[in-house]
Amino acid sequence: MIIKKKSLIVALVSSFVIALVLVLTLIGYMMYLEIRDRNVQHAYQELLAKVNARVYARYLEISKLAARIDNAGPLKGKPVVEGVIKNSGTRNVTNLVLKVKFLDRNGATIYETAFAPQEPSLGGMGLPQVNIPYFNSAARVIISPGGSLPFKRVLSNCPPEILSALQDRENLRKDSRWTNALAHEILAIDF
């Protein structure tokens, strides 16, 4: 039985298409596995940072935590949160992410901001704070064991009700939801 020329061409083309689909499927699957591995690694790093934060946070004391309107220097008239971090542990803290919450009378969060206190506070009310690692010329401050670090951070997206409460600090209005209460949480630590 002799195969006709047309049938041979159809068989070769369909075999080529099937082989091509198989190769593309394998390539796609390998790319999927690579992306999934990266996502798992990223999730692991985030989880490790959270665990480090919870374990080592007992050695970090945040004191003098306060929010106010800055009245001098380049941040004059801007709402800021400030405080002091003291490291009573045994490891150098190279990076820290701190979350500060503004609480109402019932302890519910009205506004929260997360930042790295070891980075300089730049930016204004309407400018987002962006860290560009290749253009960052200032060395990151390391909090050594027994050392402390004062910090000040501009509240770039401060809600109007908190801003008005900060501006009218002496007469903290009774109708204001914010009662000058702050809470903090350490989100991540690197050593």
N, C-alpha and C. Protein backbone atom coordinates (compact mmCIF):
# COMPACT_ATOMS: atom_id res chain seq x y z
N MET A 1 0.84 -1.17 0.00
CA MET A 1 0.00 0.00 0.00
C MET A 1 0.89 1.23 0.00
N ILE A 2 0.71 1.99 -0.98
CA ILE A 2 1.53 3.18 -1.17
C ILE A 2 0.75 4.38 -0.62
N ILE A 3 1.46 5.19 0.20
CA ILE A 3 0.84 6.39 0.76
C ILE A 3 0.90 7.48 -0.29
N LYS A 4 -0.21 8.13 -0.43
CA LYS A 4 -0.27 9.20 -1.42
C LYS A 4 0.53 10.39 -0.92
N LYS A 5 0.99 11.18 -1.87
CA LYS A 5 1.82 12.34 -1.54
C LYS A 5 1.07 13.33 -0.65
N LYS A 6 -0.20 13.57 -0.92
CA LYS A 6 -1.01 14.49 -0.10
C LYS A 6 -1.14 13.97 1.32
N SER A 7 -1.37 12.68 1.44
CA SER A 7 -1.53 12.09 2.77
C SER A 7 -0.23 12.18 3.56
N LEU A 8 0.88 12.01 2.89
CA LEU A 8 2.18 12.11 3.55
C LEU A 8 2.43 13.52 4.05
N ILE A 9 2.11 14.52 3.25
CA ILE A 9 2.28 15.92 3.66
C ILE A 9 1.39 16.24 4.85
N VAL A 10 0.15 15.80 4.81
CA VAL A 10 -0.78 16.04 5.92
C VAL A 10 -0.27 15.35 7.18
N ALA A 11 0.23 14.12 7.06
CA ALA A 11 0.75 13.40 8.22
C ALA A 11 1.98 14.10 8.79
N LEU A 12 2.88 14.57 7.95
CA LEU A 12 4.07 15.27 8.43
C LEU A 12 3.73 16.60 9.08
N VAL A 13 2.84 17.36 8.46
CA VAL A 13 2.45 18.67 9.03
C VAL A 13 1.73 18.46 10.36
N SER A 14 0.81 17.53 10.43
CA SER A 14 0.09 17.31 11.70
C SER A 14 1.05 16.79 12.78
N SER A 15 2.01 15.94 12.40
CA SER A 15 3.00 15.48 13.38
C SER A 15 3.85 16.64 13.89
N PHE A 16 4.25 17.53 12.97
CA PHE A 16 5.02 18.71 13.36
C PHE A 16 4.22 19.61 14.30
N VAL A 17 2.96 19.83 13.99
CA VAL A 17 2.10 20.68 14.84
C VAL A 17 1.94 20.03 16.22
N ILE A 18 1.72 18.74 16.28
CA ILE A 18 1.56 18.05 17.56
C ILE A 18 2.86 18.14 18.37
N ALA A 19 4.00 17.95 17.72
CA ALA A 19 5.29 18.05 18.41
C ALA A 19 5.53 19.47 18.91
N LEU A 20 5.18 20.46 18.08
CA LEU A 20 5.34 21.86 18.48
C LEU A 20 4.46 22.19 19.69
N VAL A 21 3.22 21.73 19.68
CA VAL A 21 2.31 21.97 20.82
C VAL A 21 2.86 21.30 22.07
N LEU A 22 3.40 20.09 21.92
CA LEU A 22 3.97 19.39 23.07
C LEU A 22 5.17 20.16 23.64
N VAL A 23 6.07 20.63 22.77
CA VAL A 23 7.24 21.38 23.22
C VAL A 23 6.81 22.69 23.89
N LEU A 24 5.87 23.41 23.29
CA LEU A 24 5.40 24.68 23.89
C LEU A 24 4.70 24.43 25.22
N THR A 25 3.97 23.33 25.33
CA THR A 25 3.33 22.99 26.60
C THR A 25 4.37 22.71 27.68
N LEU A 26 5.41 21.98 27.33
CA LEU A 26 6.48 21.70 28.29
C LEU A 26 7.22 22.97 28.71
N ILE A 27 7.47 23.86 27.74
CA ILE A 27 8.12 25.13 28.07
C ILE A 27 7.23 25.96 28.99
N GLY A 28 5.95 26.02 28.69
CA GLY A 28 5.01 26.77 29.53
C GLY A 28 4.94 26.20 30.94
N TYR A 29 4.94 24.88 31.04
CA TYR A 29 4.90 24.23 32.35
C TYR A 29 6.16 24.51 33.14
N MET A 30 7.31 24.50 32.48
CA MET A 30 8.57 24.81 33.16
C MET A 30 8.58 26.27 33.62
N MET A 31 8.05 27.18 32.82
CA MET A 31 7.96 28.59 33.23
C MET A 31 7.02 28.73 34.42
N TYR A 32 5.92 28.00 34.40
CA TYR A 32 4.98 28.02 35.53
C TYR A 32 5.67 27.55 36.80
N LEU A 33 6.42 26.45 36.72
CA LEU A 33 7.13 25.95 37.90
C LEU A 33 8.15 26.96 38.42
N GLU A 34 8.84 27.65 37.50
CA GLU A 34 9.82 28.67 37.90
C GLU A 34 9.13 29.83 38.62
N ILE A 35 8.03 30.29 38.07
CA ILE A 35 7.29 31.40 38.70
C ILE A 35 6.75 30.97 40.05
N ARG A 36 6.21 29.75 40.13
CA ARG A 36 5.68 29.26 41.39
C ARG A 36 6.78 29.15 42.44
N ASP A 37 7.97 28.69 42.04
CA ASP A 37 9.09 28.60 42.98
C ASP A 37 9.50 29.98 43.49
N ARG A 38 9.51 30.96 42.58
CA ARG A 38 9.83 32.33 43.02
C ARG A 38 8.79 32.85 43.99
N ASN A 39 7.52 32.59 43.73
CA ASN A 39 6.46 33.04 44.64
C ASN A 39 6.57 32.37 46.00
N VAL A 40 6.88 31.07 46.00
CA VAL A 40 7.05 30.36 47.27
C VAL A 40 8.25 30.93 48.03
N GLN A 41 9.34 31.20 47.33
CA GLN A 41 10.54 31.77 47.97
C GLN A 41 10.22 33.14 48.54
N HIS A 42 9.48 33.97 47.77
CA HIS A 42 9.11 35.30 48.25
C HIS A 42 8.20 35.20 49.48
N ALA A 43 7.23 34.29 49.45
CA ALA A 43 6.35 34.10 50.60
C ALA A 43 7.14 33.61 51.81
N TYR A 44 8.12 32.75 51.58
CA TYR A 44 8.96 32.26 52.66
C TYR A 44 9.77 33.39 53.28
N GLN A 45 10.35 34.26 52.45
CA GLN A 45 11.12 35.40 52.95
C GLN A 45 10.23 36.34 53.77
N GLU A 46 9.01 36.59 53.29
CA GLU A 46 8.08 37.44 54.05
C GLU A 46 7.72 36.81 55.38
N LEU A 47 7.45 35.52 55.37
CA LEU A 47 7.11 34.81 56.60
C LEU A 47 8.29 34.81 57.57
N LEU A 48 9.49 34.61 57.05
CA LEU A 48 10.68 34.64 57.89
C LEU A 48 10.88 36.03 58.52
N ALA A 49 10.63 37.08 57.75
CA ALA A 49 10.74 38.44 58.29
C ALA A 49 9.72 38.67 59.40
N LYS A 50 8.50 38.15 59.21
CA LYS A 50 7.47 38.30 60.25
C LYS A 50 7.84 37.52 61.51
N VAL A 51 8.36 36.31 61.33
CA VAL A 51 8.76 35.50 62.49
C VAL A 51 9.91 36.18 63.22
N ASN A 52 10.91 36.67 62.47
CA ASN A 52 12.01 37.41 63.09
C ASN A 52 11.49 38.60 63.87
N ALA A 53 10.53 39.29 63.29
CA ALA A 53 9.96 40.47 63.95
C ALA A 53 9.28 40.09 65.25
N ARG A 54 8.51 39.02 65.24
CA ARG A 54 7.80 38.63 66.46
C ARG A 54 8.75 38.12 67.54
N VAL A 55 9.77 37.38 67.13
CA VAL A 55 10.70 36.82 68.11
C VAL A 55 11.61 37.90 68.69
N TYR A 56 12.18 38.74 67.83
CA TYR A 56 13.16 39.71 68.30
C TYR A 56 12.51 41.00 68.80
N ALA A 57 11.22 41.21 68.53
CA ALA A 57 10.54 42.44 68.94
C ALA A 57 10.56 42.64 70.45
N ARG A 58 10.65 41.57 71.20
CA ARG A 58 10.69 41.72 72.66
C ARG A 58 11.97 42.41 73.13
N TYR A 59 12.99 42.44 72.27
CA TYR A 59 14.25 43.11 72.62
C TYR A 59 14.30 44.55 72.12
N LEU A 60 13.28 44.96 71.40
CA LEU A 60 13.24 46.34 70.90
C LEU A 60 12.17 47.12 71.66
N GLU A 61 12.60 48.22 72.25
CA GLU A 61 11.67 49.05 73.01
C GLU A 61 11.43 50.34 72.22
N ILE A 62 10.16 50.64 71.97
CA ILE A 62 9.78 51.89 71.30
C ILE A 62 9.26 52.82 72.39
N SER A 63 9.95 53.93 72.57
CA SER A 63 9.53 54.89 73.60
C SER A 63 9.34 56.27 72.97
N LYS A 64 8.70 57.14 73.73
CA LYS A 64 8.44 58.52 73.32
C LYS A 64 7.71 58.59 71.97
N LEU A 65 6.84 57.61 71.72
CA LEU A 65 6.07 57.58 70.48
C LEU A 65 5.00 58.66 70.53
N ALA A 66 5.05 59.59 69.60
CA ALA A 66 4.11 60.70 69.60
C ALA A 66 3.89 61.19 68.18
N ALA A 67 2.74 61.78 67.97
CA ALA A 67 2.43 62.42 66.69
C ALA A 67 2.22 63.91 66.97
N ARG A 68 2.71 64.74 66.05
CA ARG A 68 2.57 66.18 66.24
C ARG A 68 2.81 66.88 64.91
N ILE A 69 2.58 68.18 64.90
CA ILE A 69 2.94 69.01 63.75
C ILE A 69 4.33 69.55 64.03
N ASP A 70 5.25 69.32 63.12
CA ASP A 70 6.62 69.80 63.31
C ASP A 70 6.64 71.31 63.20
N ASN A 71 7.36 71.96 64.09
CA ASN A 71 7.34 73.43 64.12
C ASN A 71 8.67 74.07 63.76
N ALA A 72 9.64 73.28 63.30
CA ALA A 72 10.93 73.85 62.92
C ALA A 72 11.58 73.01 61.84
N GLY A 73 12.51 73.61 61.14
CA GLY A 73 13.30 72.89 60.15
C GLY A 73 12.57 72.68 58.83
N PRO A 74 13.07 71.78 58.02
CA PRO A 74 12.49 71.57 56.69
C PRO A 74 11.10 70.90 56.73
N LEU A 75 10.75 70.30 57.85
CA LEU A 75 9.45 69.65 57.97
C LEU A 75 8.42 70.54 58.68
N LYS A 76 8.71 71.82 58.79
CA LYS A 76 7.83 72.75 59.51
C LYS A 76 6.43 72.72 58.91
N GLY A 77 5.44 72.54 59.78
CA GLY A 77 4.04 72.52 59.37
C GLY A 77 3.56 71.16 58.89
N LYS A 78 4.41 70.17 58.87
CA LYS A 78 4.04 68.83 58.40
C LYS A 78 3.70 67.94 59.60
N PRO A 79 2.72 67.06 59.46
CA PRO A 79 2.43 66.10 60.54
C PRO A 79 3.52 65.02 60.56
N VAL A 80 4.03 64.73 61.73
CA VAL A 80 5.09 63.73 61.88
C VAL A 80 4.76 62.79 63.03
N VAL A 81 5.32 61.60 62.96
CA VAL A 81 5.30 60.68 64.09
C VAL A 81 6.77 60.46 64.44
N GLU A 82 7.06 60.47 65.75
CA GLU A 82 8.44 60.35 66.18
C GLU A 82 8.52 59.48 67.43
N GLY A 83 9.73 59.04 67.71
CA GLY A 83 9.96 58.21 68.87
C GLY A 83 11.41 57.77 68.92
N VAL A 84 11.70 56.83 69.80
CA VAL A 84 13.04 56.30 69.97
C VAL A 84 12.95 54.78 70.04
N ILE A 85 13.83 54.12 69.28
CA ILE A 85 13.91 52.66 69.31
C ILE A 85 15.19 52.29 70.05
N LYS A 86 15.06 51.42 71.04
CA LYS A 86 16.23 50.94 71.79
C LYS A 86 16.35 49.44 71.60
N ASN A 87 17.55 49.00 71.25
CA ASN A 87 17.85 47.59 71.03
C ASN A 87 18.50 47.03 72.28
N SER A 88 17.77 46.22 73.04
CA SER A 88 18.34 45.61 74.24
C SER A 88 18.72 44.15 73.99
N GLY A 89 18.72 43.74 72.73
CA GLY A 89 19.09 42.37 72.37
C GLY A 89 20.57 42.23 72.12
N THR A 90 20.94 41.17 71.44
CA THR A 90 22.35 40.86 71.20
C THR A 90 22.75 40.94 69.72
N ARG A 91 21.84 41.35 68.85
CA ARG A 91 22.12 41.38 67.41
C ARG A 91 22.01 42.79 66.87
N ASN A 92 22.79 43.07 65.83
CA ASN A 92 22.68 44.34 65.12
C ASN A 92 21.42 44.31 64.25
N VAL A 93 20.60 45.33 64.33
CA VAL A 93 19.40 45.43 63.51
C VAL A 93 19.74 46.32 62.32
N THR A 94 19.75 45.72 61.12
CA THR A 94 20.11 46.47 59.92
C THR A 94 18.91 47.08 59.23
N ASN A 95 17.76 46.49 59.39
CA ASN A 95 16.55 47.02 58.77
C ASN A 95 15.36 46.69 59.66
N LEU A 96 14.44 47.62 59.73
CA LEU A 96 13.28 47.47 60.60
C LEU A 96 12.10 48.12 59.91
N VAL A 97 10.95 47.46 59.95
CA VAL A 97 9.71 48.06 59.44
C VAL A 97 8.76 48.17 60.62
N LEU A 98 8.29 49.38 60.86
CA LEU A 98 7.45 49.68 62.00
C LEU A 98 6.09 50.17 61.51
N LYS A 99 5.02 49.68 62.13
CA LYS A 99 3.67 50.16 61.82
C LYS A 99 3.15 50.93 63.03
N VAL A 100 2.68 52.15 62.79
CA VAL A 100 2.10 52.96 63.86
C VAL A 100 0.61 53.12 63.55
N LYS A 101 -0.22 52.85 64.57
CA LYS A 101 -1.67 52.92 64.42
C LYS A 101 -2.21 54.06 65.27
N PHE A 102 -3.13 54.82 64.71
CA PHE A 102 -3.85 55.88 65.42
C PHE A 102 -5.18 55.28 65.85
N LEU A 103 -5.45 55.28 67.16
CA LEU A 103 -6.60 54.57 67.69
C LEU A 103 -7.69 55.53 68.16
N ASP A 104 -8.95 55.07 68.08
CA ASP A 104 -10.07 55.86 68.60
C ASP A 104 -10.33 55.47 70.06
N ARG A 105 -11.42 55.96 70.62
CA ARG A 105 -11.74 55.72 72.03
C ARG A 105 -11.92 54.23 72.35
N ASN A 106 -12.38 53.45 71.36
CA ASN A 106 -12.64 52.03 71.58
C ASN A 106 -11.45 51.15 71.21
N GLY A 107 -10.34 51.75 70.82
CA GLY A 107 -9.16 50.99 70.46
C GLY A 107 -9.13 50.53 69.01
N ALA A 108 -10.09 50.99 68.21
CA ALA A 108 -10.12 50.64 66.79
C ALA A 108 -9.15 51.54 66.02
N THR A 109 -8.58 51.01 64.97
CA THR A 109 -7.61 51.76 64.17
C THR A 109 -8.33 52.72 63.23
N ILE A 110 -7.95 54.00 63.31
CA ILE A 110 -8.48 55.02 62.41
C ILE A 110 -7.56 55.17 61.20
N TYR A 111 -6.27 55.18 61.47
CA TYR A 111 -5.27 55.39 60.43
C TYR A 111 -4.01 54.65 60.85
N GLU A 112 -3.31 54.09 59.87
CA GLU A 112 -2.04 53.43 60.17
C GLU A 112 -1.05 53.73 59.07
N THR A 113 0.21 53.74 59.46
CA THR A 113 1.29 53.97 58.51
C THR A 113 2.44 53.03 58.85
N ALA A 114 3.06 52.49 57.82
CA ALA A 114 4.22 51.61 58.01
C ALA A 114 5.43 52.26 57.34
N PHE A 115 6.57 52.19 58.00
CA PHE A 115 7.77 52.83 57.48
C PHE A 115 9.01 52.18 58.08
N ALA A 116 10.14 52.49 57.48
CA ALA A 116 11.44 52.04 57.99
C ALA A 116 12.07 53.21 58.74
N PRO A 117 12.13 53.16 60.05
CA PRO A 117 12.65 54.29 60.83
C PRO A 117 14.13 54.57 60.60
N GLN A 118 14.87 53.64 60.02
CA GLN A 118 16.29 53.85 59.80
C GLN A 118 16.57 54.65 58.53
N GLU A 119 15.56 54.85 57.71
CA GLU A 119 15.74 55.66 56.51
C GLU A 119 15.39 57.11 56.83
N PRO A 120 16.04 58.06 56.14
CA PRO A 120 15.72 59.46 56.41
C PRO A 120 14.30 59.79 55.99
N SER A 121 13.68 60.71 56.70
CA SER A 121 12.31 61.11 56.42
C SER A 121 12.34 62.20 55.38
N LEU A 122 12.00 61.85 54.16
CA LEU A 122 11.95 62.81 53.06
C LEU A 122 10.54 62.85 52.52
N GLY A 123 10.24 63.87 51.76
CA GLY A 123 8.93 63.96 51.13
C GLY A 123 8.05 64.93 51.85
N GLY A 124 7.00 65.29 51.19
CA GLY A 124 6.07 66.26 51.75
C GLY A 124 4.70 65.65 51.82
N MET A 125 3.73 66.52 52.00
CA MET A 125 2.36 66.07 52.16
C MET A 125 1.86 65.33 50.91
N GLY A 126 2.17 65.83 49.72
CA GLY A 126 1.62 65.24 48.53
C GLY A 126 2.57 64.34 47.79
N LEU A 127 3.79 64.19 48.26
CA LEU A 127 4.77 63.39 47.54
C LEU A 127 4.90 62.02 48.17
N PRO A 128 4.80 60.96 47.37
CA PRO A 128 5.02 59.64 47.94
C PRO A 128 6.50 59.44 48.23
N GLN A 129 6.79 58.64 49.22
CA GLN A 129 8.18 58.38 49.58
C GLN A 129 8.64 57.15 48.82
N VAL A 130 9.67 57.32 48.03
CA VAL A 130 10.17 56.25 47.19
C VAL A 130 11.63 56.01 47.53
N ASN A 131 11.98 54.74 47.72
CA ASN A 131 13.36 54.39 47.99
C ASN A 131 13.97 53.83 46.71
N ILE A 132 14.97 54.50 46.17
CA ILE A 132 15.66 54.04 44.98
C ILE A 132 17.03 53.56 45.44
N PRO A 133 17.24 52.23 45.50
CA PRO A 133 18.46 51.72 46.13
C PRO A 133 19.75 52.15 45.46
N TYR A 134 19.77 52.31 44.14
CA TYR A 134 21.01 52.66 43.46
C TYR A 134 21.38 54.13 43.63
N PHE A 135 20.40 54.97 43.95
CA PHE A 135 20.66 56.39 44.12
C PHE A 135 20.73 56.79 45.59
N ASN A 136 20.57 55.84 46.48
CA ASN A 136 20.59 56.13 47.91
C ASN A 136 22.04 56.21 48.36
N SER A 137 22.51 57.43 48.65
CA SER A 137 23.91 57.60 49.03
C SER A 137 24.13 57.49 50.53
N ALA A 138 23.08 57.70 51.32
CA ALA A 138 23.23 57.63 52.77
C ALA A 138 23.29 56.17 53.22
N ALA A 139 24.22 55.88 54.10
CA ALA A 139 24.34 54.53 54.64
C ALA A 139 23.21 54.28 55.62
N ARG A 140 22.70 53.08 55.61
CA ARG A 140 21.61 52.72 56.52
C ARG A 140 22.17 52.66 57.94
N VAL A 141 21.42 53.19 58.86
CA VAL A 141 21.83 53.21 60.26
C VAL A 141 21.58 51.83 60.87
N ILE A 142 22.59 51.29 61.52
CA ILE A 142 22.47 49.99 62.19
C ILE A 142 22.25 50.26 63.67
N ILE A 143 21.24 49.61 64.22
CA ILE A 143 20.97 49.74 65.66
C ILE A 143 21.72 48.60 66.35
N SER A 144 22.81 48.95 66.99
CA SER A 144 23.65 47.94 67.63
C SER A 144 23.06 47.55 68.99
N PRO A 145 23.49 46.41 69.54
CA PRO A 145 23.01 46.00 70.86
C PRO A 145 23.31 47.07 71.91
N GLY A 146 22.30 47.44 72.65
CA GLY A 146 22.43 48.49 73.66
C GLY A 146 22.27 49.89 73.10
N GLY A 147 22.19 50.01 71.79
CA GLY A 147 22.07 51.32 71.16
C GLY A 147 20.62 51.73 70.97
N SER A 148 20.45 52.99 70.63
CA SER A 148 19.10 53.50 70.38
C SER A 148 19.12 54.39 69.14
N LEU A 149 17.96 54.59 68.57
CA LEU A 149 17.82 55.38 67.36
C LEU A 149 16.57 56.25 67.46
N PRO A 150 16.74 57.57 67.51
CA PRO A 150 15.56 58.44 67.42
C PRO A 150 15.10 58.49 65.96
N PHE A 151 13.80 58.54 65.76
CA PHE A 151 13.27 58.61 64.40
C PHE A 151 12.16 59.64 64.31
N LYS A 152 11.97 60.13 63.10
CA LYS A 152 10.88 61.07 62.79
C LYS A 152 10.44 60.76 61.37
N ARG A 153 9.15 60.57 61.18
CA ARG A 153 8.62 60.22 59.87
C ARG A 153 7.45 61.14 59.53
N VAL A 154 7.48 61.68 58.31
CA VAL A 154 6.39 62.52 57.82
C VAL A 154 5.18 61.64 57.54
N LEU A 155 4.02 62.07 57.99
CA LEU A 155 2.77 61.35 57.69
C LEU A 155 2.26 61.90 56.37
N SER A 156 2.63 61.25 55.27
CA SER A 156 2.35 61.80 53.94
C SER A 156 0.88 61.69 53.54
N ASN A 157 0.15 60.73 54.06
CA ASN A 157 -1.26 60.57 53.72
C ASN A 157 -2.14 60.70 54.95
N CYS A 158 -1.84 61.65 55.79
CA CYS A 158 -2.56 61.84 57.04
C CYS A 158 -4.01 62.27 56.76
N PRO A 159 -4.99 61.57 57.33
CA PRO A 159 -6.39 61.95 57.11
C PRO A 159 -6.69 63.31 57.72
N PRO A 160 -7.65 64.03 57.15
CA PRO A 160 -7.96 65.38 57.63
C PRO A 160 -8.37 65.43 59.11
N GLU A 161 -9.09 64.43 59.60
CA GLU A 161 -9.53 64.47 61.00
C GLU A 161 -8.34 64.38 61.97
N ILE A 162 -7.33 63.60 61.64
CA ILE A 162 -6.14 63.51 62.49
C ILE A 162 -5.30 64.77 62.33
N LEU A 163 -5.21 65.28 61.12
CA LEU A 163 -4.47 66.52 60.88
C LEU A 163 -5.07 67.67 61.67
N SER A 164 -6.40 67.78 61.66
CA SER A 164 -7.03 68.86 62.43
C SER A 164 -6.86 68.66 63.93
N ALA A 165 -6.86 67.40 64.39
CA ALA A 165 -6.62 67.14 65.82
C ALA A 165 -5.19 67.50 66.20
N LEU A 166 -4.23 67.25 65.31
CA LEU A 166 -2.84 67.61 65.59
C LEU A 166 -2.66 69.12 65.60
N GLN A 167 -3.35 69.82 64.72
CA GLN A 167 -3.22 71.27 64.66
C GLN A 167 -3.88 71.95 65.85
N ASP A 168 -4.95 71.36 66.36
CA ASP A 168 -5.68 71.93 67.50
C ASP A 168 -5.44 71.06 68.72
N ARG A 169 -4.17 70.81 69.03
CA ARG A 169 -3.76 69.88 70.07
C ARG A 169 -4.27 70.28 71.46
N GLU A 170 -4.19 71.56 71.77
CA GLU A 170 -4.60 72.00 73.10
C GLU A 170 -6.09 71.79 73.32
N ASN A 171 -6.86 72.00 72.30
CA ASN A 171 -8.32 71.85 72.41
C ASN A 171 -8.75 70.60 71.65
N LEU A 172 -8.13 69.47 71.97
CA LEU A 172 -8.47 68.23 71.28
C LEU A 172 -9.98 68.05 71.38
N ARG A 173 -10.60 68.27 70.26
CA ARG A 173 -12.06 68.35 70.24
C ARG A 173 -12.70 67.06 70.72
N LYS A 174 -13.82 67.21 71.40
CA LYS A 174 -14.54 66.06 71.91
C LYS A 174 -15.21 65.29 70.79
N ASP A 175 -15.46 65.95 69.66
CA ASP A 175 -16.10 65.26 68.54
C ASP A 175 -15.08 64.55 67.65
N SER A 176 -13.81 64.68 67.96
CA SER A 176 -12.76 64.01 67.18
C SER A 176 -12.72 62.54 67.55
N ARG A 177 -12.59 61.69 66.54
CA ARG A 177 -12.52 60.24 66.80
C ARG A 177 -11.17 59.87 67.41
N TRP A 178 -10.10 60.55 66.98
CA TRP A 178 -8.77 60.22 67.48
C TRP A 178 -8.57 60.83 68.86
N THR A 179 -8.12 60.04 69.80
CA THR A 179 -7.96 60.49 71.18
C THR A 179 -6.50 60.62 71.58
N ASN A 180 -5.63 60.85 70.60
CA ASN A 180 -4.20 60.99 70.86
C ASN A 180 -3.56 59.67 71.28
N ALA A 181 -4.24 58.56 70.99
CA ALA A 181 -3.71 57.24 71.35
C ALA A 181 -3.00 56.63 70.13
N LEU A 182 -1.80 56.11 70.38
CA LEU A 182 -1.00 55.47 69.33
C LEU A 182 -0.61 54.06 69.79
N ALA A 183 -0.54 53.17 68.83
CA ALA A 183 -0.03 51.82 69.10
C ALA A 183 0.98 51.51 68.01
N HIS A 184 1.89 50.61 68.31
CA HIS A 184 2.90 50.26 67.32
C HIS A 184 3.03 48.75 67.19
N GLU A 185 3.55 48.33 66.05
CA GLU A 185 3.79 46.92 65.79
C GLU A 185 5.03 46.83 64.89
N ILE A 186 5.92 45.93 65.21
CA ILE A 186 7.09 45.71 64.38
C ILE A 186 6.75 44.63 63.35
N LEU A 187 6.80 45.02 62.06
CA LEU A 187 6.39 44.12 60.99
C LEU A 187 7.53 43.23 60.50
N ALA A 188 8.73 43.76 60.40
CA ALA A 188 9.85 42.98 59.86
C ALA A 188 11.16 43.48 60.43
N ILE A 189 12.11 42.55 60.59
CA ILE A 189 13.44 42.88 61.08
C ILE A 189 14.44 42.10 60.25
N ASP A 190 15.53 42.77 59.89
CA ASP A 190 16.66 42.11 59.24
C ASP A 190 17.90 42.31 60.11
N PHE A 191 18.76 41.34 60.11
CA PHE A 191 19.98 41.39 60.91
C PHE A 191 21.20 41.46 60.02
